[in-house]
Amino acid sequence: MGRGDKKTKKGKIFKSSFGKSRPAKATKKNTAPSQEKKEA
């Protein structure tokens, strides 16, 4: 668990790789446009 561990965020930063623990594009929760005003 550290820089040599490719399964952790710190390890992926060290190896300059992306994956599940370090997504290539930083995403926020609720990035989808709101569907609240969708009334028939």
Protein backbone atom coordinates (compact mmCIF):
# COMPACT_ATOMS: atom_id res chain seq x y z
CA MET A 1 0.00 0.00 0.00
CA GLY A 2 2.01 2.90 -1.27
CA ARG A 3 3.77 4.20 -4.34
CA GLY A 4 4.54 0.72 -5.66
CA ASP A 5 0.93 -0.47 -5.34
CA LYS A 6 -0.76 0.00 -8.72
CA LYS A 7 -4.21 -0.56 -7.16
CA THR A 8 -4.07 2.62 -5.07
CA LYS A 9 -4.42 6.26 -6.10
CA LYS A 10 -0.91 7.09 -4.90
CA GLY A 11 0.53 4.17 -6.84
CA LYS A 12 -1.26 5.25 -10.01
CA ILE A 13 0.06 8.79 -9.64
CA PHE A 14 3.57 7.34 -9.21
CA LYS A 15 3.19 5.09 -12.28
CA SER A 16 1.40 7.85 -14.27
CA SER A 17 -1.52 5.56 -15.06
CA PHE A 18 -5.29 5.73 -14.76
CA GLY A 19 -7.95 3.27 -13.67
CA LYS A 20 -10.80 2.71 -11.25
CA SER A 21 -9.10 4.23 -8.21
CA ARG A 22 -7.74 7.14 -10.29
CA PRO A 23 -10.06 8.04 -13.17
CA ALA A 24 -8.47 9.84 -16.13
CA LYS A 25 -11.03 12.62 -15.91
CA ALA A 26 -11.99 13.80 -12.46
CA THR A 27 -15.76 13.37 -12.21
CA LYS A 28 -18.16 14.87 -9.71
CA LYS A 29 -21.31 13.23 -8.43
CA ASN A 30 -24.45 14.34 -10.29
CA THR A 31 -22.74 15.45 -13.49
CA ALA A 32 -25.84 14.56 -15.52
CA PRO A 33 -28.16 17.47 -16.31
CA SER A 34 -31.10 17.69 -13.97
CA GLN A 35 -34.26 16.03 -15.20
CA GLU A 36 -36.51 17.65 -12.57
CA LYS A 37 -38.35 20.05 -14.90
CA LYS A 38 -39.40 17.28 -17.27
CA GLU A 39 -43.18 17.45 -17.02
CA ALA A 40 -45.64 16.12 -19.59
